[in-house]
PDB file of N, CA and C in Angstrom:
ATOM      1  N   MET A   1     103.858  77.836 103.712  1.00  0.00           N
ATOM      2  CA  MET A   1     103.512  79.232 103.493  1.00  0.00           C
ATOM      3  C   MET A   1     104.052  80.064 104.655  1.00  0.00           C
ATOM      4  N   ASN A   2     104.770  81.112 104.348  1.00  0.00           N
ATOM      5  CA  ASN A   2     105.384  81.966 105.352  1.00  0.00           C
ATOM      6  C   ASN A   2     104.700  83.333 105.318  1.00  0.00           C
ATOM      7  N   LEU A   3     104.027  83.674 106.389  1.00  0.00           N
ATOM      8  CA  LEU A   3     103.329  84.952 106.498  1.00  0.00           C
ATOM      9  C   LEU A   3     104.119  85.865 107.422  1.00  0.00           C
ATOM     10  N   GLN A   4     104.455  87.045 106.918  1.00  0.00           N
ATOM     11  CA  GLN A   4     105.244  87.980 107.713  1.00  0.00           C
ATOM     12  C   GLN A   4     104.503  89.306 107.801  1.00  0.00           C
ATOM     13  N   LEU A   5     104.283  89.794 109.005  1.00  0.00           N
ATOM     14  CA  LEU A   5     103.594  91.061 109.235  1.00  0.00           C
ATOM     15  C   LEU A   5     104.585  92.099 109.731  1.00  0.00           C
ATOM     16  N   ASP A   6     104.501  93.287 109.181  1.00  0.00           N
ATOM     17  CA  ASP A   6     105.356  94.396 109.612  1.00  0.00           C
ATOM     18  C   ASP A   6     104.480  95.490 110.215  1.00  0.00           C
ATOM     19  N   LEU A   7     104.983  96.125 111.238  1.00  0.00           N
ATOM     20  CA  LEU A   7     104.273  97.237 111.858  1.00  0.00           C
ATOM     21  C   LEU A   7     104.505  98.521 111.069  1.00  0.00           C
ATOM     22  N   ILE A   8     103.480  99.338 111.010  1.00  0.00           N
ATOM     23  CA  ILE A   8     103.624 100.669 110.417  1.00  0.00           C
ATOM     24  C   ILE A   8     104.226 101.570 111.493  1.00  0.00           C
ATOM     25  N   LYS A   9     105.343 102.214 111.184  1.00  0.00           N
ATOM     26  CA  LYS A   9     106.015 103.053 112.179  1.00  0.00           C
ATOM     27  C   LYS A   9     105.699 104.534 111.991  1.00  0.00           C
ATOM     28  N   ASP A  10     105.524 104.954 110.761  1.00  0.00           N
ATOM     29  CA  ASP A  10     105.205 106.348 110.440  1.00  0.00           C
ATOM     30  C   ASP A  10     104.124 106.387 109.378  1.00  0.00           C
ATOM     31  N   LYS A  11     103.269 107.384 109.479  1.00  0.00           N
ATOM     32  CA  LYS A  11     102.204 107.551 108.486  1.00  0.00           C
ATOM     33  C   LYS A  11     101.853 109.031 108.435  1.00  0.00           C
ATOM     34  N   VAL A  12     101.774 109.587 107.240  1.00  0.00           N
ATOM     35  CA  VAL A  12     101.409 110.983 107.060  1.00  0.00           C
ATOM     36  C   VAL A  12     100.115 111.019 106.257  1.00  0.00           C
ATOM     37  N   GLU A  13      99.140 111.784 106.752  1.00  0.00           N
ATOM     38  CA  GLU A  13      97.855 111.889 106.068  1.00  0.00           C
ATOM     39  C   GLU A  13      97.517 113.357 105.839  1.00  0.00           C
ATOM     40  N   PHE A  14      96.821 113.603 104.730  1.00  0.00           N
ATOM     41  CA  PHE A  14      96.442 114.952 104.326  1.00  0.00           C
ATOM     42  C   PHE A  14      94.919 115.080 104.368  1.00  0.00           C
ATOM     43  N   PHE A  15      94.438 116.223 104.844  1.00  0.00           N
ATOM     44  CA  PHE A  15      93.012 116.455 104.981  1.00  0.00           C
ATOM     45  C   PHE A  15      92.646 117.807 104.370  1.00  0.00           C
ATOM     46  N   GLU A  16      91.405 117.894 103.885  1.00  0.00           N
ATOM     47  CA  GLU A  16      90.920 119.127 103.278  1.00  0.00           C
ATOM     48  C   GLU A  16      89.431 119.248 103.580  1.00  0.00           C
ATOM     49  N   ALA A  17      88.975 120.469 103.884  1.00  0.00           N
ATOM     50  CA  ALA A  17      87.565 120.689 104.187  1.00  0.00           C
ATOM     51  C   ALA A  17      87.200 122.142 103.892  1.00  0.00           C
ATOM     52  N   ILE A  18      85.883 122.383 103.863  1.00  0.00           N
ATOM     53  CA  ILE A  18      85.419 123.739 103.572  1.00  0.00           C
ATOM     54  C   ILE A  18      85.225 124.570 104.833  1.00  0.00           C
ATOM     55  N   ASN A  19      85.287 123.926 106.020  1.00  0.00           N
ATOM     56  CA  ASN A  19      85.236 124.678 107.271  1.00  0.00           C
ATOM     57  C   ASN A  19      86.040 123.930 108.337  1.00  0.00           C
ATOM     58  N   VAL A  20      86.332 124.629 109.419  1.00  0.00           N
ATOM     59  CA  VAL A  20      87.200 124.082 110.453  1.00  0.00           C
ATOM     60  C   VAL A  20      86.542 122.899 111.171  1.00  0.00           C
ATOM     61  N   LYS A  21      85.231 122.968 111.411  1.00  0.00           N
ATOM     62  CA  LYS A  21      84.538 121.875 112.101  1.00  0.00           C
ATOM     63  C   LYS A  21      84.625 120.578 111.306  1.00  0.00           C
ATOM     64  N   GLU A  22      84.426 120.660 110.001  1.00  0.00           N
ATOM     65  CA  GLU A  22      84.506 119.463 109.153  1.00  0.00           C
ATOM     66  C   GLU A  22      85.929 118.912 109.126  1.00  0.00           C
ATOM     67  N   LEU A  23      86.915 119.794 109.064  1.00  0.00           N
ATOM     68  CA  LEU A  23      88.313 119.369 109.081  1.00  0.00           C
ATOM     69  C   LEU A  23      88.642 118.656 110.389  1.00  0.00           C
ATOM     70  N   GLU A  24      88.208 119.224 111.496  1.00  0.00           N
ATOM     71  CA  GLU A  24      88.445 118.619 112.804  1.00  0.00           C
ATOM     72  C   GLU A  24      87.767 117.249 112.899  1.00  0.00           C
ATOM     73  N   LYS A  25      86.559 117.133 112.368  1.00  0.00           N
ATOM     74  CA  LYS A  25      85.830 115.860 112.394  1.00  0.00           C
ATOM     75  C   LYS A  25      86.588 114.795 111.602  1.00  0.00           C
ATOM     76  N   LYS A  26      87.088 115.146 110.412  1.00  0.00           N
ATOM     77  CA  LYS A  26      87.842 114.196 109.589  1.00  0.00           C
ATOM     78  C   LYS A  26      89.107 113.726 110.301  1.00  0.00           C
ATOM     79  N   ILE A  27      89.810 114.658 110.916  1.00  0.00           N
ATOM     80  CA  ILE A  27      91.049 114.315 111.617  1.00  0.00           C
ATOM     81  C   ILE A  27      90.753 113.413 112.815  1.00  0.00           C
ATOM     82  N   ASN A  28      89.729 113.748 113.597  1.00  0.00           N
ATOM     83  CA  ASN A  28      89.389 112.943 114.770  1.00  0.00           C
ATOM     84  C   ASN A  28      88.974 111.524 114.389  1.00  0.00           C
ATOM     85  N   GLU A  29      88.243 111.369 113.291  1.00  0.00           N
ATOM     86  CA  GLU A  29      87.864 110.035 112.826  1.00  0.00           C
ATOM     87  C   GLU A  29      89.099 109.210 112.479  1.00  0.00           C
ATOM     88  N   GLN A  30      90.063 109.852 111.830  1.00  0.00           N
ATOM     89  CA  GLN A  30      91.267 109.126 111.434  1.00  0.00           C
ATOM     90  C   GLN A  30      92.170 108.830 112.627  1.00  0.00           C
ATOM     91  N   ILE A  31      92.151 109.672 113.636  1.00  0.00           N
ATOM     92  CA  ILE A  31      92.904 109.387 114.859  1.00  0.00           C
ATOM     93  C   ILE A  31      92.391 108.102 115.490  1.00  0.00           C
ATOM     94  N   VAL A  32      91.073 107.953 115.553  1.00  0.00           N
ATOM     95  CA  VAL A  32      90.478 106.737 116.118  1.00  0.00           C
ATOM     96  C   VAL A  32      90.862 105.525 115.272  1.00  0.00           C
ATOM     97  N   ASN A  33      90.789 105.647 113.954  1.00  0.00           N
ATOM     98  CA  ASN A  33      91.158 104.541 113.068  1.00  0.00           C
ATOM     99  C   ASN A  33      92.618 104.141 113.244  1.00  0.00           C
ATOM    100  N   ASN A  34      93.498 105.125 113.370  1.00  0.00           N
ATOM    101  CA  ASN A  34      94.924 104.836 113.483  1.00  0.00           C
ATOM    102  C   ASN A  34      95.319 104.307 114.860  1.00  0.00           C
ATOM    103  N   GLN A  35      94.497 104.536 115.869  1.00  0.00           N
ATOM    104  CA  GLN A  35      94.774 103.960 117.179  1.00  0.00           C
ATOM    105  C   GLN A  35      94.708 102.438 117.111  1.00  0.00           C
ATOM    106  N   ALA A  36      93.867 101.906 116.226  1.00  0.00           N
ATOM    107  CA  ALA A  36      93.793 100.456 116.034  1.00  0.00           C
ATOM    108  C   ALA A  36      95.098  99.917 115.451  1.00  0.00           C
ATOM    109  N   LEU A  37      95.842 100.758 114.748  1.00  0.00           N
ATOM    110  CA  LEU A  37      97.142 100.378 114.184  1.00  0.00           C
ATOM    111  C   LEU A  37      98.290 100.727 115.134  1.00  0.00           C
ATOM    112  N   LEU A  38      97.933 101.131 116.353  1.00  0.00           N
ATOM    113  CA  LEU A  38      98.898 101.536 117.382  1.00  0.00           C
ATOM    114  C   LEU A  38      99.709 102.758 116.964  1.00  0.00           C
ATOM    115  N   LEU A  39      99.042 103.700 116.302  1.00  0.00           N
ATOM    116  CA  LEU A  39      99.675 104.950 115.904  1.00  0.00           C
ATOM    117  C   LEU A  39      99.055 106.103 116.680  1.00  0.00           C
ATOM    118  N   SER A  40      99.885 107.056 117.062  1.00  0.00           N
ATOM    119  CA  SER A  40      99.387 108.253 117.732  1.00  0.00           C
ATOM    120  C   SER A  40      99.869 109.483 116.968  1.00  0.00           C
ATOM    121  N   VAL A  41      99.247 110.617 117.240  1.00  0.00           N
ATOM    122  CA  VAL A  41      99.590 111.862 116.549  1.00  0.00           C
ATOM    123  C   VAL A  41     100.940 112.360 117.037  1.00  0.00           C
ATOM    124  N   HIS A  42     101.830 112.604 116.089  1.00  0.00           N
ATOM    125  CA  HIS A  42     103.151 113.158 116.400  1.00  0.00           C
ATOM    126  C   HIS A  42     103.147 114.671 116.177  1.00  0.00           C
ATOM    127  N   SER A  43     102.556 115.105 115.063  1.00  0.00           N
ATOM    128  CA  SER A  43     102.476 116.537 114.794  1.00  0.00           C
ATOM    129  C   SER A  43     101.332 116.837 113.834  1.00  0.00           C
ATOM    130  N   VAL A  44     100.871 118.083 113.887  1.00  0.00           N
ATOM    131  CA  VAL A  44      99.799 118.554 113.015  1.00  0.00           C
ATOM    132  C   VAL A  44     100.206 119.908 112.454  1.00  0.00           C
ATOM    133  N   SER A  45     100.022 120.074 111.153  1.00  0.00           N
ATOM    134  CA  SER A  45     100.277 121.352 110.498  1.00  0.00           C
ATOM    135  C   SER A  45      99.019 121.712 109.713  1.00  0.00           C
ATOM    136  N   HIS A  46      98.583 122.962 109.809  1.00  0.00           N
ATOM    137  CA  HIS A  46      97.351 123.339 109.111  1.00  0.00           C
ATOM    138  C   HIS A  46      97.516 124.684 108.413  1.00  0.00           C
ATOM    139  N   ASN A  47      96.718 124.859 107.369  1.00  0.00           N
ATOM    140  CA  ASN A  47      96.749 126.093 106.579  1.00  0.00           C
ATOM    141  C   ASN A  47      95.345 126.456 106.123  1.00  0.00           C
ATOM    142  N   VAL A  48      95.193 127.720 105.757  1.00  0.00           N
ATOM    143  CA  VAL A  48      93.950 128.207 105.174  1.00  0.00           C
ATOM    144  C   VAL A  48      94.302 128.791 103.814  1.00  0.00           C
ATOM    145  N   HIS A  49      93.559 128.377 102.788  1.00  0.00           N
ATOM    146  CA  HIS A  49      93.805 128.848 101.426  1.00  0.00           C
ATOM    147  C   HIS A  49      92.547 129.507 100.882  1.00  0.00           C
ATOM    148  N   SER A  50      92.735 130.543 100.095  1.00  0.00           N
ATOM    149  CA  SER A  50      91.626 131.177  99.387  1.00  0.00           C
ATOM    150  C   SER A  50      91.757 130.870  97.907  1.00  0.00           C
ATOM    151  N   THR A  51      90.675 130.401  97.308  1.00  0.00           N
ATOM    152  CA  THR A  51      90.688 130.101  95.878  1.00  0.00           C
ATOM    153  C   THR A  51      90.421 131.385  95.103  1.00  0.00           C
ATOM    154  N   PRO A  52      90.729 131.399  93.818  1.00  0.00           N
ATOM    155  CA  PRO A  52      90.490 132.603  93.019  1.00  0.00           C
ATOM    156  C   PRO A  52      89.029 133.063  93.013  1.00  0.00           C
ATOM    157  N   ASP A  53      88.093 132.126  93.213  1.00  0.00           N
ATOM    158  CA  ASP A  53      86.684 132.516  93.231  1.00  0.00           C
ATOM    159  C   ASP A  53      86.197 132.915  94.624  1.00  0.00           C
ATOM    160  N   GLY A  54      87.123 133.035  95.586  1.00  0.00           N
ATOM    161  CA  GLY A  54      86.789 133.552  96.905  1.00  0.00           C
ATOM    162  C   GLY A  54      86.438 132.514  97.952  1.00  0.00           C
ATOM    163  N   ARG A  55      86.459 131.239  97.612  1.00  0.00           N
ATOM    164  CA  ARG A  55      86.163 130.194  98.597  1.00  0.00           C
ATOM    165  C   ARG A  55      87.370 129.993  99.510  1.00  0.00           C
ATOM    166  N   THR A  56      87.105 129.620 100.748  1.00  0.00           N
ATOM    167  CA  THR A  56      88.156 129.326 101.711  1.00  0.00           C
ATOM    168  C   THR A  56      88.240 127.818 101.887  1.00  0.00           C
ATOM    169  N   ILE A  57      89.454 127.282 101.822  1.00  0.00           N
ATOM    170  CA  ILE A  57      89.685 125.856 102.001  1.00  0.00           C
ATOM    171  C   ILE A  57      90.669 125.673 103.147  1.00  0.00           C
ATOM    172  N   TYR A  58      90.302 124.810 104.073  1.00  0.00           N
ATOM    173  CA  TYR A  58      91.143 124.507 105.226  1.00  0.00           C
ATOM    174  C   TYR A  58      91.835 123.169 104.978  1.00  0.00           C
ATOM    175  N   THR A  59      93.146 123.118 105.194  1.00  0.00           N
ATOM    176  CA  THR A  59      93.905 121.890 104.975  1.00  0.00           C
ATOM    177  C   THR A  59      94.740 121.578 106.210  1.00  0.00           C
ATOM    178  N   ALA A  60      95.070 120.297 106.343  1.00  0.00           N
ATOM    179  CA  ALA A  60      95.919 119.878 107.462  1.00  0.00           C
ATOM    180  C   ALA A  60      96.747 118.675 107.040  1.00  0.00           C
ATOM    181  N   VAL A  61      97.923 118.584 107.620  1.00  0.00           N
ATOM    182  CA  VAL A  61      98.799 117.418 107.459  1.00  0.00           C
ATOM    183  C   VAL A  61      99.028 116.872 108.863  1.00  0.00           C
ATOM    184  N   VAL A  62      98.730 115.579 109.041  1.00  0.00           N
ATOM    185  CA  VAL A  62      98.893 114.952 110.342  1.00  0.00           C
ATOM    186  C   VAL A  62      99.914 113.834 110.218  1.00  0.00           C
ATOM    187  N   HIS A  63     100.939 113.888 111.071  1.00  0.00           N
ATOM    188  CA  HIS A  63     101.980 112.873 111.097  1.00  0.00           C
ATOM    189  C   HIS A  63     101.701 111.940 112.277  1.00  0.00           C
ATOM    190  N   PHE A  64     101.462 110.671 111.960  1.00  0.00           N
ATOM    191  CA  PHE A  64     101.235 109.656 112.980  1.00  0.00           C
ATOM    192  C   PHE A  64     102.505 108.841 113.170  1.00  0.00           C
ATOM    193  N   LYS A  65     102.787 108.459 114.416  1.00  0.00           N
ATOM    194  CA  LYS A  65     103.958 107.618 114.723  1.00  0.00           C
ATOM    195  C   LYS A  65     103.524 106.481 115.637  1.00  0.00           C
ATOM    196  N   ALA A  66     104.300 105.410 115.597  1.00  0.00           N
ATOM    197  CA  ALA A  66     104.029 104.249 116.440  1.00  0.00           C
ATOM    198  C   ALA A  66     104.153 104.629 117.901  1.00  0.00           C
ATOM    199  N   LEU A  67     103.327 104.010 118.735  1.00  0.00           N
ATOM    200  CA  LEU A  67     103.358 104.268 120.176  1.00  0.00           C
ATOM    201  C   LEU A  67     104.639 103.793 120.812  1.00  0.00           C
TER     202      LEU A  67
END
């Protein structure tokens, strides 16, 4: 039996929340999780969207790269 493991070199994750604090909490949790995979934050992009019914949604895209 031949077992071969490959390292993850790049990973992009998308986040969505109803407020900035919740969005930040989700991102920080995933940063800790990805550190176990030897990934660090390369870039972050964020936006604020308004829905037709007036709700505000905060979104972010985080690009992780190998250390």
